[in-house]
C-alpha atoms as a PDB file:
ATOM      1  CA  UNK A   1      90.068  26.160 215.353  1.00  0.00           C
ATOM      2  CA  UNK A   2      86.823  26.584 213.416  1.00  0.00           C
ATOM      3  CA  UNK A   3      84.061  27.898 215.680  1.00  0.00           C
ATOM      4  CA  UNK A   4      80.372  28.338 214.954  1.00  0.00           C
ATOM      5  CA  UNK A   5      78.090  30.692 216.890  1.00  0.00           C
ATOM      6  CA  UNK A   6      74.425  29.673 216.900  1.00  0.00           C
ATOM      7  CA  UNK A   7      71.795  32.401 216.448  1.00  0.00           C
ATOM      8  CA  UNK A   8      68.359  32.018 218.026  1.00  0.00           C
ATOM      9  CA  UNK A   9      65.644  34.716 218.069  1.00  0.00           C
ATOM     10  CA  UNK A  10      66.110  36.762 221.239  1.00  0.00           C
ATOM     11  CA  UNK A  11      69.783  36.064 221.931  1.00  0.00           C
ATOM     12  CA  UNK A  12      71.792  39.242 222.477  1.00  0.00           C
ATOM     13  CA  UNK A  13      75.386  38.212 223.194  1.00  0.00           C
ATOM     14  CA  UNK A  14      76.308  36.840 219.775  1.00  0.00           C
ATOM     15  CA  UNK A  15      78.486  39.817 218.773  1.00  0.00           C
ATOM     16  CA  UNK A  16      80.544  39.559 221.957  1.00  0.00           C
ATOM     17  CA  UNK A  17      80.882  35.803 221.493  1.00  0.00           C
ATOM     18  CA  UNK A  18      82.112  36.200 217.909  1.00  0.00           C
ATOM     19  CA  UNK A  19      84.550  38.948 218.885  1.00  0.00           C
ATOM     20  CA  UNK A  20      86.022  36.957 221.787  1.00  0.00           C
ATOM     21  CA  UNK A  21      86.437  33.763 219.776  1.00  0.00           C
ATOM     22  CA  UNK A  22      88.253  35.732 217.087  1.00  0.00           C
ATOM     23  CA  UNK A  23      90.505  37.373 219.676  1.00  0.00           C
ATOM     24  CA  UNK A  24      91.334  33.916 221.005  1.00  0.00           C
ATOM     25  CA  UNK A  25      92.452  32.808 217.552  1.00  0.00           C
ATOM     26  CA  UNK A  26      89.410  30.974 216.183  1.00  0.00           C
ATOM     27  CA  UNK A  27      87.925  31.307 212.708  1.00  0.00           C
ATOM     28  CA  UNK A  28      84.263  32.098 213.319  1.00  0.00           C
ATOM     29  CA  UNK A  29      81.084  31.676 211.315  1.00  0.00           C
ATOM     30  CA  UNK A  30      77.417  31.614 212.308  1.00  0.00           C
ATOM     31  CA  UNK A  31      74.452  29.301 211.813  1.00  0.00           C
ATOM     32  CA  UNK A  32      70.769  30.110 212.159  1.00  0.00           C
ATOM     33  CA  UNK A  33      68.560  28.060 214.480  1.00  0.00           C
ATOM     34  CA  UNK A  34      66.593  26.847 211.453  1.00  0.00           C
ATOM     35  CA  UNK A  35      69.649  25.293 209.800  1.00  0.00           C
ATOM     36  CA  UNK A  36      70.014  21.529 210.027  1.00  0.00           C
ATOM     37  CA  UNK A  37      73.771  21.117 209.533  1.00  0.00           C
ATOM     38  CA  UNK A  38      76.961  22.612 210.901  1.00  0.00           C
ATOM     39  CA  UNK A  39      79.689  23.789 208.511  1.00  0.00           C
ATOM     40  CA  UNK A  40      82.197  21.116 207.570  1.00  0.00           C
ATOM     41  CA  UNK A  41      85.208  21.043 209.856  1.00  0.00           C
ATOM     42  CA  UNK A  42      83.477  22.649 212.845  1.00  0.00           C
ATOM     43  CA  UNK A  43      85.499  22.220 216.046  1.00  0.00           C
ATOM     44  CA  UNK A  44      83.465  24.299 218.495  1.00  0.00           C
ATOM     45  CA  UNK A  45      79.801  25.246 218.669  1.00  0.00           C
ATOM     46  CA  UNK A  46      78.977  28.210 220.926  1.00  0.00           C
ATOM     47  CA  UNK A  47      75.461  29.113 222.055  1.00  0.00           C
ATOM     48  CA  UNK A  48      75.531  32.681 223.412  1.00  0.00           C
ATOM     49  CA  UNK A  49      73.432  34.330 226.082  1.00  0.00           C
ATOM     50  CA  UNK A  50      70.255  36.359 225.875  1.00  0.00           C
ATOM     51  CA  UNK A  51      66.578  35.505 226.038  1.00  0.00           C
ATOM     52  CA  UNK A  52      65.758  32.995 223.303  1.00  0.00           C
ATOM     53  CA  UNK A  53      62.091  33.270 222.343  1.00  0.00           C
ATOM     54  CA  UNK A  54      61.614  35.750 225.183  1.00  0.00           C
ATOM     55  CA  UNK A  55      62.194  32.976 227.757  1.00  0.00           C
ATOM     56  CA  UNK A  56      58.576  31.864 227.332  1.00  0.00           C
ATOM     57  CA  UNK A  57      57.606  28.526 228.918  1.00  0.00           C
ATOM     58  CA  UNK A  58      61.047  28.086 230.501  1.00  0.00           C
ATOM     59  CA  UNK A  59      64.421  29.497 229.558  1.00  0.00           C
ATOM     60  CA  UNK A  60      65.639  27.423 226.608  1.00  0.00           C
ATOM     61  CA  UNK A  61      62.504  25.266 226.435  1.00  0.00           C
ATOM     62  CA  UNK A  62      61.589  26.410 222.913  1.00  0.00           C
ATOM     63  CA  UNK A  63      65.144  26.728 221.616  1.00  0.00           C
ATOM     64  CA  UNK A  64      65.880  23.112 222.519  1.00  0.00           C
ATOM     65  CA  UNK A  65      63.658  21.907 219.668  1.00  0.00           C
ATOM     66  CA  UNK A  66      65.294  24.141 217.040  1.00  0.00           C
ATOM     67  CA  UNK A  67      66.330  22.209 213.910  1.00  0.00           C
ATOM     68  CA  UNK A  68      70.032  22.944 214.521  1.00  0.00           C
ATOM     69  CA  UNK A  69      70.004  21.167 217.888  1.00  0.00           C
ATOM     70  CA  UNK A  70      70.183  17.680 216.352  1.00  0.00           C
ATOM     71  CA  UNK A  71      73.389  18.633 214.562  1.00  0.00           C
ATOM     72  CA  UNK A  72      74.804  20.089 217.785  1.00  0.00           C
ATOM     73  CA  UNK A  73      73.977  16.902 219.692  1.00  0.00           C
ATOM     74  CA  UNK A  74      75.673  14.800 217.009  1.00  0.00           C
ATOM     75  CA  UNK A  75      78.705  17.097 217.118  1.00  0.00           C
ATOM     76  CA  UNK A  76      78.958  16.664 220.907  1.00  0.00           C
ATOM     77  CA  UNK A  77      78.558  12.892 220.600  1.00  0.00           C
ATOM     78  CA  UNK A  78      81.557  12.831 218.235  1.00  0.00           C
ATOM     79  CA  UNK A  79      83.623  14.631 220.876  1.00  0.00           C
ATOM     80  CA  UNK A  80      83.281  18.096 219.363  1.00  0.00           C
ATOM     81  CA  UNK A  81      83.418  21.070 221.693  1.00  0.00           C
ATOM     82  CA  UNK A  82      80.181  22.774 222.732  1.00  0.00           C
ATOM     83  CA  UNK A  83      79.971  25.938 224.849  1.00  0.00           C
ATOM     84  CA  UNK A  84      76.746  27.328 226.298  1.00  0.00           C
ATOM     85  CA  UNK A  85      76.820  30.669 228.127  1.00  0.00           C
ATOM     86  CA  UNK A  86      73.903  31.860 230.282  1.00  0.00           C
ATOM     87  CA  UNK A  87      70.860  31.197 228.062  1.00  0.00           C
ATOM     88  CA  UNK A  88      73.123  28.818 226.150  1.00  0.00           C
ATOM     89  CA  UNK A  89      73.683  26.885 229.395  1.00  0.00           C
ATOM     90  CA  UNK A  90      69.925  26.774 229.936  1.00  0.00           C
ATOM     91  CA  UNK A  91      69.407  25.443 226.400  1.00  0.00           C
ATOM     92  CA  UNK A  92      72.025  22.721 226.934  1.00  0.00           C
ATOM     93  CA  UNK A  93      70.292  21.509 230.098  1.00  0.00           C
ATOM     94  CA  UNK A  94      66.881  21.638 228.446  1.00  0.00           C
ATOM     95  CA  UNK A  95      68.021  19.488 225.517  1.00  0.00           C
ATOM     96  CA  UNK A  96      69.840  17.001 227.758  1.00  0.00           C
ATOM     97  CA  UNK A  97      73.421  17.695 226.711  1.00  0.00           C
ATOM     98  CA  UNK A  98      74.057  18.738 230.313  1.00  0.00           C
ATOM     99  CA  UNK A  99      72.321  17.391 233.438  1.00  0.00           C
ATOM    100  CA  UNK A 100      70.298  19.368 235.948  1.00  0.00           C
ATOM    101  CA  UNK A 101      68.274  22.536 235.456  1.00  0.00           C
ATOM    102  CA  UNK A 102      68.570  26.317 235.768  1.00  0.00           C
ATOM    103  CA  UNK A 103      65.721  27.764 237.814  1.00  0.00           C
ATOM    104  CA  UNK A 104      64.602  31.131 239.218  1.00  0.00           C
ATOM    105  CA  UNK A 105      67.181  32.840 241.405  1.00  0.00           C
ATOM    106  CA  UNK A 106      66.494  32.019 245.041  1.00  0.00           C
ATOM    107  CA  UNK A 107      65.742  35.666 245.900  1.00  0.00           C
ATOM    108  CA  UNK A 108      63.587  36.073 242.757  1.00  0.00           C
ATOM    109  CA  UNK A 109      65.585  39.065 241.517  1.00  0.00           C
ATOM    110  CA  UNK A 110      67.528  39.590 238.304  1.00  0.00           C
ATOM    111  CA  UNK A 111      71.274  39.736 239.015  1.00  0.00           C
ATOM    112  CA  UNK A 112      73.564  41.918 236.905  1.00  0.00           C
ATOM    113  CA  UNK A 113      77.054  42.420 238.328  1.00  0.00           C
ATOM    114  CA  UNK A 114      80.591  41.070 238.342  1.00  0.00           C
ATOM    115  CA  UNK A 115      81.250  37.974 240.427  1.00  0.00           C
ATOM    116  CA  UNK A 116      84.246  35.800 241.194  1.00  0.00           C
ATOM    117  CA  UNK A 117      84.353  32.139 240.236  1.00  0.00           C
ATOM    118  CA  UNK A 118      86.916  29.522 241.134  1.00  0.00           C
ATOM    119  CA  UNK A 119      87.987  26.755 238.790  1.00  0.00           C
ATOM    120  CA  UNK A 120      86.880  23.547 240.490  1.00  0.00           C
ATOM    121  CA  UNK A 121      88.019  21.152 237.779  1.00  0.00           C
ATOM    122  CA  UNK A 122      90.479  21.345 234.910  1.00  0.00           C
ATOM    123  CA  UNK A 123      89.230  20.665 231.421  1.00  0.00           C
ATOM    124  CA  UNK A 124      89.414  21.859 227.822  1.00  0.00           C
ATOM    125  CA  UNK A 125      88.030  25.300 228.705  1.00  0.00           C
ATOM    126  CA  UNK A 126      89.358  25.853 232.213  1.00  0.00           C
ATOM    127  CA  UNK A 127      92.813  26.833 233.492  1.00  0.00           C
ATOM    128  CA  UNK A 128      94.453  25.298 236.561  1.00  0.00           C
ATOM    129  CA  UNK A 129      92.220  24.173 239.404  1.00  0.00           C
ATOM    130  CA  UNK A 130      91.977  26.884 242.047  1.00  0.00           C
ATOM    131  CA  UNK A 131      92.322  29.781 239.606  1.00  0.00           C
ATOM    132  CA  UNK A 132      89.939  32.648 240.362  1.00  0.00           C
ATOM    133  CA  UNK A 133      88.271  34.638 237.574  1.00  0.00           C
ATOM    134  CA  UNK A 134      86.196  37.818 237.686  1.00  0.00           C
ATOM    135  CA  UNK A 135      83.249  37.508 235.282  1.00  0.00           C
ATOM    136  CA  UNK A 136      79.942  39.336 234.748  1.00  0.00           C
ATOM    137  CA  UNK A 137      76.557  37.730 235.337  1.00  0.00           C
ATOM    138  CA  UNK A 138      73.173  38.856 234.005  1.00  0.00           C
ATOM    139  CA  UNK A 139      70.367  36.418 234.731  1.00  0.00           C
ATOM    140  CA  UNK A 140      67.097  35.878 236.540  1.00  0.00           C
ATOM    141  CA  UNK A 141      67.115  32.093 236.242  1.00  0.00           C
ATOM    142  CA  UNK A 142      70.633  30.986 237.045  1.00  0.00           C
ATOM    143  CA  UNK A 143      70.046  28.809 240.086  1.00  0.00           C
ATOM    144  CA  UNK A 144      71.566  25.439 239.208  1.00  0.00           C
ATOM    145  CA  UNK A 145      69.759  22.455 240.680  1.00  0.00           C
ATOM    146  CA  UNK A 146      70.185  18.707 240.268  1.00  0.00           C
ATOM    147  CA  UNK A 147      69.331  15.507 242.096  1.00  0.00           C
ATOM    148  CA  UNK A 148      71.731  14.187 244.741  1.00  0.00           C
ATOM    149  CA  UNK A 149      72.639  11.365 242.348  1.00  0.00           C
ATOM    150  CA  UNK A 150      73.556  13.795 239.557  1.00  0.00           C
ATOM    151  CA  UNK A 151      75.568  15.973 241.934  1.00  0.00           C
ATOM    152  CA  UNK A 152      77.466  12.962 243.233  1.00  0.00           C
ATOM    153  CA  UNK A 153      78.270  11.915 239.659  1.00  0.00           C
ATOM    154  CA  UNK A 154      79.434  15.419 238.723  1.00  0.00           C
ATOM    155  CA  UNK A 155      81.728  15.527 241.747  1.00  0.00           C
ATOM    156  CA  UNK A 156      83.071  11.999 241.243  1.00  0.00           C
ATOM    157  CA  UNK A 157      83.873  12.670 237.584  1.00  0.00           C
ATOM    158  CA  UNK A 158      85.358  16.127 238.168  1.00  0.00           C
ATOM    159  CA  UNK A 159      82.696  17.815 236.074  1.00  0.00           C
ATOM    160  CA  UNK A 160      81.889  20.754 238.330  1.00  0.00           C
ATOM    161  CA  UNK A 161      83.860  23.297 236.331  1.00  0.00           C
ATOM    162  CA  UNK A 162      83.307  26.599 238.144  1.00  0.00           C
ATOM    163  CA  UNK A 163      81.928  27.645 241.531  1.00  0.00           C
ATOM    164  CA  UNK A 164      81.010  31.071 242.875  1.00  0.00           C
ATOM    165  CA  UNK A 165      83.692  32.257 245.291  1.00  0.00           C
ATOM    166  CA  UNK A 166      85.392  35.259 246.841  1.00  0.00           C
ATOM    167  CA  UNK A 167      88.317  37.054 245.222  1.00  0.00           C
ATOM    168  CA  UNK A 168      90.537  34.849 247.382  1.00  0.00           C
ATOM    169  CA  UNK A 169      88.839  31.652 246.254  1.00  0.00           C
ATOM    170  CA  UNK A 170      86.785  30.986 249.376  1.00  0.00           C
ATOM    171  CA  UNK A 171      83.487  29.250 248.631  1.00  0.00           C
ATOM    172  CA  UNK A 172      80.485  29.987 250.854  1.00  0.00           C
ATOM    173  CA  UNK A 173      76.808  30.931 250.675  1.00  0.00           C
ATOM    174  CA  UNK A 174      77.369  34.674 251.044  1.00  0.00           C
ATOM    175  CA  UNK A 175      78.969  34.910 247.593  1.00  0.00           C
ATOM    176  CA  UNK A 176      76.395  32.723 245.840  1.00  0.00           C
ATOM    177  CA  UNK A 177      74.403  35.196 243.703  1.00  0.00           C
ATOM    178  CA  UNK A 178      71.474  32.942 242.836  1.00  0.00           C
ATOM    179  CA  UNK A 179      71.245  30.039 245.285  1.00  0.00           C
ATOM    180  CA  UNK A 180      72.839  27.420 243.024  1.00  0.00           C
ATOM    181  CA  UNK A 181      73.439  24.135 244.805  1.00  0.00           C
ATOM    182  CA  UNK A 182      77.072  23.801 245.881  1.00  0.00           C
ATOM    183  CA  UNK A 183      77.722  27.306 244.481  1.00  0.00           C
ATOM    184  CA  UNK A 184      77.859  25.808 240.978  1.00  0.00           C
ATOM    185  CA  UNK A 185      78.481  28.371 238.229  1.00  0.00           C
ATOM    186  CA  UNK A 186      79.382  25.950 235.424  1.00  0.00           C
ATOM    187  CA  UNK A 187      79.552  22.230 234.654  1.00  0.00           C
ATOM    188  CA  UNK A 188      81.147  19.946 232.127  1.00  0.00           C
ATOM    189  CA  UNK A 189      79.406  17.247 230.141  1.00  0.00           C
ATOM    190  CA  UNK A 190      80.567  14.447 227.903  1.00  0.00           C
ATOM    191  CA  UNK A 191      83.140  11.750 228.653  1.00  0.00           C
ATOM    192  CA  UNK A 192      86.005  14.069 227.705  1.00  0.00           C
ATOM    193  CA  UNK A 193      84.456  17.233 229.198  1.00  0.00           C
ATOM    194  CA  UNK A 194      83.885  18.510 225.683  1.00  0.00           C
ATOM    195  CA  UNK A 195      80.646  20.289 226.637  1.00  0.00           C
ATOM    196  CA  UNK A 196      80.705  23.281 229.001  1.00  0.00           C
ATOM    197  CA  UNK A 197      77.789  25.284 230.319  1.00  0.00           C
ATOM    198  CA  UNK A 198      78.200  28.307 232.585  1.00  0.00           C
ATOM    199  CA  UNK A 199      76.022  31.181 233.757  1.00  0.00           C
ATOM    200  CA  UNK A 200      78.671  33.956 233.921  1.00  0.00           C
ATOM    201  CA  UNK A 201      79.576  35.721 230.661  1.00  0.00           C
ATOM    202  CA  UNK A 202      83.302  35.240 229.899  1.00  0.00           C
ATOM    203  CA  UNK A 203      82.861  36.936 226.519  1.00  0.00           C
ATOM    204  CA  UNK A 204      81.983  40.160 228.344  1.00  0.00           C
ATOM    205  CA  UNK A 205      85.301  40.168 230.191  1.00  0.00           C
ATOM    206  CA  UNK A 206      87.653  39.569 227.290  1.00  0.00           C
ATOM    207  CA  UNK A 207      89.466  42.898 226.767  1.00  0.00           C
ATOM    208  CA  UNK A 208      90.961  45.546 229.016  1.00  0.00           C
ATOM    209  CA  UNK A 209      88.466  48.063 227.670  1.00  0.00           C
ATOM    210  CA  UNK A 210      85.731  45.889 229.162  1.00  0.00           C
ATOM    211  CA  UNK A 211      87.376  45.819 232.578  1.00  0.00           C
ATOM    212  CA  UNK A 212      89.699  42.833 232.266  1.00  0.00           C
ATOM    213  CA  UNK A 213      90.696  39.721 230.346  1.00  0.00           C
ATOM    214  CA  UNK A 214      89.784  36.936 232.764  1.00  0.00           C
ATOM    215  CA  UNK A 215      87.048  35.653 230.487  1.00  0.00           C
ATOM    216  CA  UNK A 216      89.137  35.182 227.385  1.00  0.00           C
ATOM    217  CA  UNK A 217      91.294  32.617 229.196  1.00  0.00           C
ATOM    218  CA  UNK A 218      88.472  30.072 228.782  1.00  0.00           C
ATOM    219  CA  UNK A 219      88.435  30.604 225.027  1.00  0.00           C
ATOM    220  CA  UNK A 220      92.206  30.608 224.701  1.00  0.00           C
ATOM    221  CA  UNK A 221      92.377  27.319 226.604  1.00  0.00           C
ATOM    222  CA  UNK A 222      90.064  25.459 224.220  1.00  0.00           C
ATOM    223  CA  UNK A 223      91.746  26.977 221.140  1.00  0.00           C
ATOM    224  CA  UNK A 224      95.111  25.720 222.433  1.00  0.00           C
ATOM    225  CA  UNK A 225      93.615  22.285 223.123  1.00  0.00           C
ATOM    226  CA  UNK A 226      92.219  22.135 219.599  1.00  0.00           C
ATOM    227  CA  UNK A 227      95.603  23.006 218.075  1.00  0.00           C
ATOM    228  CA  UNK A 228      97.349  20.305 220.098  1.00  0.00           C
ATOM    229  CA  UNK A 229      94.758  17.731 219.065  1.00  0.00           C
ATOM    230  CA  UNK A 230      95.213  18.697 215.410  1.00  0.00           C
END
C-alpha cells in the first residue's frame, strides 16, 4: 500500500500517523496542503489530527479550501481510501466528504484521556463488529451531530463505524465523552466505505510502549484490504 499523509499548518499528529502507517506495512510519503496533486499510485490519504490554522472560524473550516482537497475528493470518488483522525475528521465533514458536523463538546471542556470504542460496522478499516478498542482522545470539538435523515441513512447503510462504549462493549450516555449523538465516535463515507473519519487517535495507541496496540488494528486492516484488492 502507498499512503500519503497530508500536512496542514497547525497539525501535530503527522509523525505518529507516518510511524503507524509504516508499522502497518505501508510505504508513506507526505504532501503539503498547497500541493494540487497526489503522488501517482496513492492508495490511502490520511489527514492527521491537530489544530489546522489554529481552529479559527471552525475546526477544519479553513483547511477544507486547501488546494490539495480537490485531489483528495477526486481520489475518494475513484474509490481510494481516505482516513481523517480528529481534526482530519473535522476537515472531512467540512469539505463534504463525510456528512454531519463536529461541534463543541457538550460540557464545553477539552477532553484528553483514553476511551473505549466498539466497532459498530465492519469495513475496510474496522475489525469484526462488536470488537472493543481502547484509544486516546484529545479534542474540544468532538461532538458529532447530524440531522435525523442523515443518521437514519448512516444506520441503514451500516456506516456508523465506531461508538463510545465501556470496556465490555456496553453503549450508554455515561461513557460518551463529548455528547455525540448515538455515541458516535467514527463514521464511514462513500459507497464502499472507503472514507473513514473518527475522533479518537488510533495512531497514538499503536505500540506497546504507548500503552497498547489496539489502534494499529485499523491500519493493518486497510493495508490487508489493499493487498487483497491488488
